Protein backbone atom coordinates (compact mmCIF):
# COMPACT_ATOMS: atom_id res chain seq x y z
CA UNK A 1 -38.68 35.36 -88.81
CA UNK A 2 -35.92 34.66 -91.28
CA UNK A 3 -33.13 32.14 -91.19
CA UNK A 4 -30.59 34.61 -89.79
CA UNK A 5 -32.74 35.23 -86.70
CA UNK A 6 -33.07 31.48 -86.10
CA UNK A 7 -29.32 31.15 -86.35
CA UNK A 8 -28.73 33.90 -83.74
CA UNK A 9 -31.15 32.29 -81.30
CA UNK A 10 -29.57 28.89 -81.75
CA UNK A 11 -26.15 30.34 -81.02
CA UNK A 12 -27.43 31.97 -77.81
CA UNK A 13 -29.03 28.73 -76.63
CA UNK A 14 -25.86 26.84 -77.35
CA UNK A 15 -23.82 29.42 -75.45
CA UNK A 16 -26.19 29.14 -72.44
CA UNK A 17 -25.85 25.39 -72.37
CA UNK A 18 -22.06 25.52 -72.53
CA UNK A 19 -21.64 28.36 -69.95
CA UNK A 20 -24.72 28.26 -67.70
CA UNK A 21 -23.16 30.43 -64.95
CA UNK A 22 -21.63 33.02 -67.23
CA UNK A 23 -23.27 36.46 -66.87
CA UNK A 24 -24.41 38.20 -69.95
CA UNK A 25 -23.03 41.66 -70.59
CA UNK A 26 -26.41 43.28 -70.55
CA UNK A 27 -27.42 41.83 -67.19
CA UNK A 28 -24.32 42.63 -65.13
CA UNK A 29 -25.48 46.11 -64.09
CA UNK A 30 -28.87 44.72 -63.07
CA UNK A 31 -27.22 42.19 -60.71
CA UNK A 32 -25.21 44.93 -58.99
CA UNK A 33 -28.30 47.05 -58.64
CA UNK A 34 -30.23 44.10 -57.09
CA UNK A 35 -27.44 43.48 -54.57
CA UNK A 36 -27.45 47.12 -53.67
CA UNK A 37 -31.21 47.05 -53.14
CA UNK A 38 -31.18 43.69 -51.24
CA UNK A 39 -27.95 43.99 -49.30
CA UNK A 40 -29.09 41.68 -46.55
CA UNK A 41 -29.91 38.82 -48.91
CA UNK A 42 -26.52 39.03 -50.60
CA UNK A 43 -24.59 38.93 -47.32
CA UNK A 44 -26.50 35.97 -45.79
CA UNK A 45 -24.60 33.26 -47.74
CA UNK A 46 -21.32 34.79 -46.52
CA UNK A 47 -22.31 34.52 -42.80
CA UNK A 48 -23.44 30.92 -43.23
CA UNK A 49 -20.18 30.01 -44.87
CA UNK A 50 -18.22 31.58 -41.97
CA UNK A 51 -20.29 29.66 -39.41
CA UNK A 52 -19.67 26.45 -41.31
CA UNK A 53 -15.93 27.13 -41.22
CA UNK A 54 -16.02 27.67 -37.43
CA UNK A 55 -17.94 24.43 -36.92
CA UNK A 56 -15.42 22.52 -38.99
CA UNK A 57 -12.52 24.06 -37.08
CA UNK A 58 -14.14 23.25 -33.71
CA UNK A 59 -14.75 19.65 -34.74
CA UNK A 60 -11.18 19.05 -35.83
CA UNK A 61 -9.82 20.84 -32.75
CA UNK A 62 -11.85 18.65 -30.37
CA UNK A 63 -10.84 15.55 -32.33
CA UNK A 64 -7.20 16.60 -32.07
CA UNK A 65 -7.48 17.14 -28.29
CA UNK A 66 -9.12 13.73 -27.83
CA UNK A 67 -6.32 12.06 -29.75
CA UNK A 68 -3.74 13.84 -27.59
CA UNK A 69 -5.43 12.59 -24.39
CA UNK A 70 -5.69 9.03 -25.71
CA UNK A 71 -2.04 8.91 -26.76
CA UNK A 72 -0.93 10.50 -23.47
CA UNK A 73 -2.64 7.86 -21.34
CA UNK A 74 -1.64 5.06 -23.69
CA UNK A 75 2.05 5.76 -24.26
CA UNK A 76 3.34 8.76 -22.28
CA UNK A 77 1.87 8.44 -18.74
CA UNK A 78 3.12 5.15 -17.23
CA UNK A 79 0.65 2.72 -15.65
CA UNK A 80 1.10 1.92 -11.92
CA UNK A 81 3.42 -0.98 -11.36
CA UNK A 82 1.48 -3.88 -9.84
CA UNK A 83 3.17 -6.86 -8.21
CA UNK A 84 3.21 -9.93 -10.35
CA UNK A 85 0.46 -12.30 -9.27
CA UNK A 86 1.64 -15.80 -8.52
CA UNK A 87 -0.58 -18.84 -8.62
CA UNK A 88 1.14 -20.31 -5.53
CA UNK A 89 3.61 -18.88 -3.02
CA UNK A 90 5.05 -19.79 0.39
CA UNK A 91 6.86 -18.11 3.27
CA UNK A 92 9.26 -19.83 5.64
CA UNK A 93 9.68 -18.99 9.34
CA UNK A 94 12.26 -21.51 10.51
CA UNK A 95 12.33 -20.96 14.29
CA UNK A 96 8.90 -19.39 14.74
CA UNK A 97 5.96 -20.67 16.79
CA UNK A 98 2.51 -20.13 15.30
CA UNK A 99 -0.88 -19.51 16.92
CA UNK A 100 -4.43 -20.48 16.12
CA UNK A 101 -5.26 -17.25 14.32
CA UNK A 102 -5.68 -16.31 10.66
CA UNK A 103 -7.54 -13.40 9.08
CA UNK A 104 -7.97 -12.25 5.48
CA UNK A 105 -8.44 -8.65 4.41
CA UNK A 106 -7.50 -6.42 1.49
CA UNK A 107 -4.66 -4.70 3.34
CA UNK A 108 -3.00 -2.84 0.45
CA UNK A 109 -6.29 -2.18 -1.40
CA UNK A 110 -5.28 -4.00 -4.60
CA UNK A 111 -8.60 -5.92 -4.71
CA UNK A 112 -6.82 -9.11 -3.63
CA UNK A 113 -7.40 -10.59 -0.18
CA UNK A 114 -4.24 -10.53 1.95
CA UNK A 115 -3.36 -12.69 4.97
CA UNK A 116 -2.87 -11.54 8.58
CA UNK A 117 -1.35 -14.03 11.00
CA UNK A 118 0.68 -14.26 14.22
CA UNK A 119 3.99 -15.91 15.07
CA UNK A 120 6.41 -15.91 17.98
CA UNK A 121 10.14 -15.45 17.41
CA UNK A 122 13.18 -13.59 18.64
CA UNK A 123 13.23 -11.35 15.59
CA UNK A 124 10.83 -10.63 12.79
CA UNK A 125 11.27 -11.56 9.16
CA UNK A 126 14.18 -10.27 7.12
CA UNK A 127 11.85 -8.00 5.14
CA UNK A 128 11.43 -5.48 7.99
CA UNK A 129 14.20 -6.48 10.43
CA UNK A 130 12.05 -5.75 13.48
CA UNK A 131 12.95 -7.00 16.96
CA UNK A 132 11.13 -7.39 20.27
CA UNK A 133 13.20 -4.61 21.83
CA UNK A 134 11.66 -2.12 19.38
CA UNK A 135 8.47 -2.24 21.49
CA UNK A 136 10.21 -2.77 24.84
CA UNK A 137 9.40 -6.50 24.93
CA UNK A 138 11.62 -9.35 26.03
CA UNK A 139 12.55 -11.96 23.44
CA UNK A 140 10.99 -14.08 22.13
CA UNK A 141 7.78 -12.15 21.53
CA UNK A 142 4.67 -12.23 19.38
CA UNK A 143 4.68 -10.56 15.96
CA UNK A 144 1.58 -9.68 13.95
CA UNK A 145 2.25 -9.56 10.23
CA UNK A 146 0.36 -9.08 6.98
CA UNK A 147 1.53 -10.70 3.74
CA UNK A 148 0.29 -10.00 0.24
CA UNK A 149 -2.19 -12.44 -1.18
CA UNK A 150 -0.71 -11.72 -4.62
CA UNK A 151 2.85 -12.94 -4.09
CA UNK A 152 3.42 -13.46 -0.36
CA UNK A 153 5.55 -10.36 0.19
CA UNK A 154 5.43 -8.81 3.67
CA UNK A 155 3.22 -5.71 3.80
CA UNK A 156 3.81 -4.83 7.46
CA UNK A 157 5.05 -6.45 10.65
CA UNK A 158 4.92 -5.43 14.32
CA UNK A 159 5.85 -6.96 17.70
CA UNK A 160 2.83 -6.60 20.01
CA UNK A 161 3.13 -8.72 23.18
CA UNK A 162 5.21 -11.39 24.91
CA UNK A 163 2.53 -14.07 24.60
CA UNK A 164 -0.84 -14.22 22.85
CA UNK A 165 -4.10 -15.15 24.54
CA UNK A 166 -6.51 -14.11 21.81
CA UNK A 167 -6.66 -11.92 18.71
CA UNK A 168 -9.70 -10.85 16.75
CA UNK A 169 -10.10 -8.62 13.67
CA UNK A 170 -13.00 -6.95 11.87
CA UNK A 171 -14.01 -4.96 14.97
CA UNK A 172 -15.88 -1.93 13.68
CA UNK A 173 -14.82 1.60 14.76
CA UNK A 174 -11.99 0.28 16.94
CA UNK A 175 -9.93 3.25 18.03
CA UNK A 176 -12.53 5.62 16.60
CA UNK A 177 -11.31 4.94 13.05
CA UNK A 178 -13.55 4.59 10.02
CA UNK A 179 -12.04 1.21 9.08
CA UNK A 180 -12.28 -1.90 11.30
CA UNK A 181 -9.43 -2.86 13.61
CA UNK A 182 -7.83 -5.85 15.32
CA UNK A 183 -7.68 -6.34 19.09
CA UNK A 184 -4.82 -8.32 20.62
CA UNK A 185 -5.17 -9.73 24.15
CA UNK A 186 -1.66 -10.37 25.35
CA UNK A 187 0.03 -11.79 28.38
CA UNK A 188 1.08 -10.22 30.65
CA UNK A 189 -2.00 -8.01 30.99
CA UNK A 190 -1.97 -6.05 27.77
CA UNK A 191 -4.68 -5.01 25.31
CA UNK A 192 -3.54 -3.61 21.96
CA UNK A 193 -5.70 -2.23 19.15
CA UNK A 194 -3.96 -2.15 15.78
CA UNK A 195 -4.88 -1.16 12.24
CA UNK A 196 -5.00 -4.11 9.83
CA UNK A 197 -4.08 -1.78 6.96
CA UNK A 198 -0.81 -0.42 8.38
CA UNK A 199 -0.09 -2.29 11.61
CA UNK A 200 -0.05 0.99 13.52
CA UNK A 201 -1.16 0.91 17.16
CA UNK A 202 -4.46 2.73 17.71
CA UNK A 203 -4.37 2.34 21.49
CA UNK A 204 -2.71 0.19 24.13
CA UNK A 205 -4.03 -0.44 27.65
CA UNK A 206 -3.19 -2.71 30.56
CA UNK A 207 -5.95 -5.05 31.70
CA UNK A 208 -6.92 -6.23 35.18
CA UNK A 209 -8.03 -9.79 34.51
CA UNK A 210 -6.19 -11.21 37.51
CA UNK A 211 -4.28 -14.49 37.70
CA UNK A 212 -4.94 -17.97 36.29
CA UNK A 213 -7.70 -16.82 34.00
CA UNK A 214 -8.94 -18.00 30.62
CA UNK A 215 -10.46 -15.66 28.05
CA UNK A 216 -13.92 -16.71 26.85
CA UNK A 217 -13.95 -16.31 23.10
CA UNK A 218 -14.95 -14.76 20.79
CA UNK A 219 -15.00 -11.21 22.12
CA UNK A 220 -18.38 -9.54 22.55
CA UNK A 221 -18.97 -6.37 20.56
CA UNK A 222 -21.62 -4.28 22.30
CA UNK A 223 -23.33 -0.99 21.43
CA UNK A 224 -21.91 2.24 22.78
CA UNK A 225 -22.38 2.36 26.57
CA UNK A 226 -20.08 5.26 27.47
CA UNK A 227 -21.63 7.84 25.15
CA UNK A 228 -18.64 8.50 22.86
CA UNK A 229 -20.40 7.30 19.70
CA UNK A 230 -18.16 4.24 19.19
CA UNK A 231 -19.18 0.65 19.93
CA UNK A 232 -17.45 -0.92 22.92
CA UNK A 233 -16.00 -4.33 23.75
CA UNK A 234 -16.92 -6.74 26.55
CA UNK A 235 -14.48 -9.48 27.57
CA UNK A 236 -15.37 -12.48 29.73
CA UNK A 237 -12.77 -14.45 31.66
CA UNK A 238 -13.09 -17.58 33.77
CA UNK A 239 -11.08 -18.82 36.73
CA UNK A 240 -12.49 -22.04 38.12
CA UNK A 241 -16.28 -21.74 38.40
CA UNK A 242 -16.24 -17.94 38.48
CA UNK A 243 -16.81 -15.77 35.43
CA UNK A 244 -15.91 -12.08 35.29
CA UNK A 245 -16.99 -9.45 32.78
CA UNK A 246 -14.93 -6.41 31.73
CA UNK A 247 -16.08 -3.52 29.53
CA UNK A 248 -13.57 -1.49 27.51
CA UNK A 249 -14.08 1.63 25.46
CA UNK A 250 -13.73 0.87 21.78
CA UNK A 251 -12.46 4.38 21.12
CA UNK A 252 -9.65 4.77 23.68
CA UNK A 253 -9.37 1.35 25.31
CA UNK A 254 -10.10 2.63 28.81
CA UNK A 255 -11.88 0.24 31.17
CA UNK A 256 -15.46 1.23 31.95
CA UNK A 257 -16.12 0.58 35.64
CA UNK A 258 -14.38 -2.36 37.31
CA UNK A 259 -15.65 -5.88 36.71
CA UNK A 260 -18.79 -7.93 37.17
CA UNK A 261 -18.92 -11.41 38.71
CA UNK A 262 -21.22 -14.12 37.41
CA UNK A 263 -21.75 -17.56 38.95
CA UNK A 264 -22.12 -19.71 35.85
CA UNK A 265 -19.91 -22.72 36.36
CA UNK A 266 -16.89 -23.83 34.40
CA UNK A 267 -16.27 -23.22 30.69
CA UNK A 268 -19.33 -21.19 29.67
CA UNK A 269 -20.18 -20.29 26.10
CA UNK A 270 -22.41 -17.43 25.03
CA UNK A 271 -24.16 -15.56 22.27
CA UNK A 272 -25.64 -12.08 21.96
CA UNK A 273 -29.35 -11.80 21.18
CA UNK A 274 -31.39 -8.71 20.34
CA UNK A 275 -35.15 -8.87 20.95
CA UNK A 276 -37.79 -7.14 18.85
CA UNK A 277 -37.94 -4.32 21.38
CA UNK A 278 -34.23 -3.58 20.81
CA UNK A 279 -33.08 -5.04 24.15
CA UNK A 280 -29.65 -6.72 24.24
CA UNK A 281 -29.23 -10.00 26.10
CA UNK A 282 -26.23 -12.26 26.57
CA UNK A 283 -27.28 -15.92 26.72
CA UNK A 284 -24.72 -18.15 28.48
CA UNK A 285 -24.63 -21.91 28.30
CA UNK A 286 -22.75 -24.29 30.57
CA UNK A 287 -22.76 -28.08 30.48
CA UNK A 288 -26.43 -28.43 31.44
CA UNK A 289 -27.87 -24.94 32.06
CA UNK A 290 -28.86 -21.80 30.20
CA UNK A 291 -28.58 -18.28 31.67
CA UNK A 292 -29.74 -14.88 30.45
CA UNK A 293 -28.29 -11.47 31.38
CA UNK A 294 -29.42 -8.19 29.91
CA UNK A 295 -26.70 -5.79 28.81
CA UNK A 296 -28.16 -3.38 31.35
CA UNK A 297 -27.49 -5.92 34.15
CA UNK A 298 -23.90 -6.49 33.01
CA UNK A 299 -23.27 -2.75 32.79
CA UNK A 300 -24.65 -2.21 36.29
CA UNK A 301 -22.44 -5.02 37.66
CA UNK A 302 -19.32 -3.42 36.16
CA UNK A 303 -20.03 0.20 37.03
CA UNK A 304 -22.32 0.06 40.06
CA UNK A 305 -24.75 2.49 38.41
CA UNK A 306 -27.85 2.00 36.29
CA UNK A 307 -27.30 2.87 32.64
CA UNK A 308 -29.57 5.47 31.08
CA UNK A 309 -28.68 4.91 27.41
CA UNK A 310 -31.29 3.56 25.00
CA UNK A 311 -29.16 0.47 24.37
CA UNK A 312 -29.39 -0.40 28.07
CA UNK A 313 -32.96 -1.57 28.50
CA UNK A 314 -34.75 -4.79 29.38
CA UNK A 315 -37.44 -6.76 27.57
CA UNK A 316 -40.51 -7.48 29.77
CA UNK A 317 -41.16 -10.88 28.19
CA UNK A 318 -37.59 -12.05 28.74
CA UNK A 319 -37.58 -10.79 32.30
CA UNK A 320 -40.67 -12.93 33.02
CA UNK A 321 -38.94 -16.08 31.78
CA UNK A 322 -35.51 -15.51 33.36
CA UNK A 323 -35.49 -16.79 36.93
CA UNK A 324 -34.30 -14.35 39.59
CA UNK A 325 -31.73 -14.14 41.11
CA UNK A 326 -29.97 -17.04 39.34
CA UNK A 327 -30.73 -15.74 35.80
CA UNK A 328 -31.55 -19.34 34.85
CA UNK A 329 -33.61 -19.99 31.67
CA UNK A 330 -35.79 -23.12 32.02
CA UNK A 331 -35.58 -25.85 29.35
CA UNK A 332 -37.66 -28.96 28.73
CA UNK A 333 -34.71 -31.35 28.88
CA UNK A 334 -31.99 -31.79 31.49
CA UNK A 335 -29.44 -33.25 29.07
CA UNK A 336 -26.00 -31.82 28.43
CA UNK A 337 -25.91 -28.78 26.17
CA UNK A 338 -23.76 -29.38 23.09
CA UNK A 339 -24.49 -26.36 20.88
CA UNK A 340 -26.20 -22.99 21.18
CA UNK A 341 -26.92 -21.22 17.87
CA UNK A 342 -29.14 -18.46 16.52
CA UNK A 343 -31.66 -19.34 13.83
CA UNK A 344 -32.58 -16.46 11.49
CA UNK A 345 -36.26 -15.87 10.80
CA UNK A 346 -38.19 -13.25 8.85
CA UNK A 347 -39.40 -11.55 12.02
CA UNK A 348 -36.14 -11.85 13.97
CA UNK A 349 -33.99 -14.64 15.36
CA UNK A 350 -34.79 -17.72 17.42
CA UNK A 351 -32.40 -19.74 19.60
CA UNK A 352 -31.65 -23.41 18.99
CA UNK A 353 -30.40 -25.44 21.97
CA UNK A 354 -28.91 -28.79 20.94
CA UNK A 355 -28.60 -31.16 23.90
CA UNK A 356 -27.41 -34.73 24.29
CA UNK A 357 -30.96 -36.10 24.07
CA UNK A 358 -32.99 -33.50 22.14
CA UNK A 359 -32.89 -30.26 20.18
CA UNK A 360 -35.20 -27.47 21.31
CA UNK A 361 -36.02 -24.27 19.44
CA UNK A 362 -36.81 -21.26 21.66
CA UNK A 363 -38.81 -18.27 20.49
CA UNK A 364 -36.41 -15.33 20.31
CA UNK A 365 -39.02 -12.92 21.63
CA UNK A 366 -40.77 -14.88 24.39
CA UNK A 367 -38.33 -17.74 25.19
CA UNK A 368 -41.23 -20.18 24.75
CA UNK A 369 -40.45 -23.59 23.28
CA UNK A 370 -41.51 -23.77 19.60
CA UNK A 371 -40.63 -27.43 18.96
CA UNK A 372 -38.39 -30.26 20.08
CA UNK A 373 -36.88 -33.22 18.27
CA UNK A 374 -35.16 -36.24 19.78
CA UNK A 375 -31.44 -36.30 19.04
CA UNK A 376 -28.44 -38.24 20.27
CA UNK A 377 -24.77 -38.44 19.40
CA UNK A 378 -24.79 -35.13 17.51
CA UNK A 379 -21.56 -35.02 15.51
CA UNK A 380 -21.21 -31.32 14.72
CA UNK A 381 -22.82 -27.90 14.96
CA UNK A 382 -26.12 -27.57 13.05
CA UNK A 383 -26.06 -25.98 9.61
CA UNK A 384 -28.80 -24.12 7.76
CA UNK A 385 -30.02 -24.20 4.18
CA UNK A 386 -33.00 -23.59 1.91
CA UNK A 387 -34.16 -26.92 0.53
CA UNK A 388 -37.58 -25.53 -0.38
CA UNK A 389 -38.27 -21.92 -1.39
CA UNK A 390 -38.67 -19.38 1.44
CA UNK A 391 -38.38 -21.96 4.25
CA UNK A 392 -35.16 -22.22 6.26
CA UNK A 393 -34.19 -25.79 7.20
CA UNK A 394 -31.90 -27.03 9.98
CA UNK A 395 -29.56 -29.95 9.27
CA UNK A 396 -28.50 -32.15 12.21
CA UNK A 397 -25.97 -34.97 11.89
CA UNK A 398 -26.01 -37.77 14.46
CA UNK A 399 -24.01 -40.97 14.68
CA UNK A 400 -26.04 -44.20 14.58
CA UNK A 401 -23.26 -46.79 14.50
CA UNK A 402 -19.72 -47.51 13.37
CA UNK A 403 -19.00 -45.41 10.27
CA UNK A 404 -22.69 -44.54 9.98
CA UNK A 405 -24.56 -41.33 10.55
CA UNK A 406 -28.07 -39.99 10.14
CA UNK A 407 -28.93 -36.57 8.73
């Protein structure tokens, strides 16, 4: 090989280094022939490049749509206007008379507890300009109103009765509605179920309590006894030493039966107890006695017939302890009864009777005495707390001298 051949080869190598992708003239036909023979291999890079373009376009399109949604909710669509929350607020009712009733509930569903209360006046507040004549009542009358817990503004207001005997809220299924309701016992002789959310009347019925009566409070919510699928309400009234029971349909407010008469003495208190067998009993307490009535007995007294529903049954162990026909429940002490409370347990509830000389815990299933402790000068209703893990404790406060007490 001579020097000229070396020079030609060096020039070709230099040209290849400078233009590595440049096709040589002699190889161009071969490339076209190879593409013709391997058509599929030559087209594959083109399809991949098209798919890549579609992916890129889809990505940027979705990103663009997301940005549009974000900007729309941030700047274009206005947020709901919420009332300005105030740290403190007050409402004035200059000539109004108030009652011993106050309830809290999220009326306008703004996640802030609102206030429901009652007042008596000739006209309502200036916010709604309601009057007693709107409901056919003589003035002055009782108004039920709900005010916002956020700023004290009036949410709704309604005249309901001429005078108030008792009002209670958080009664489930009242009027057949999904949300709880409020029941107003008015004078003269009027029962009104209203919605705490809107103040609308769900039902209104006249009662037959008689004259010179006092309503025993709180009201007793009982399981459905008329078969309409809605829990019912039992109301006890006293006149002298006589106690009467009345059952009203929670759905329509109609009275179920007439009334039942119980000889309990003056000023009874009560609580509802459910045994392990699912039997409902009302335990009454007077000054020095304890009485037990099954819901089945009270239903039979009011209607004159024996109830067949599953909620109307008796517990054999309770029936053995309750003395017939007085319905008296025997206790170890003859002292005056101060408090009657239910004590929760893992297997049910027991009943604590606090008397002037001792406290006695009754087994909620058998009415047997579990324990007693000497007490005197009890200052207030017992309270419960867990001072050691998994064991419920009862706290009793008794006075032991001037400005001294024992816990």
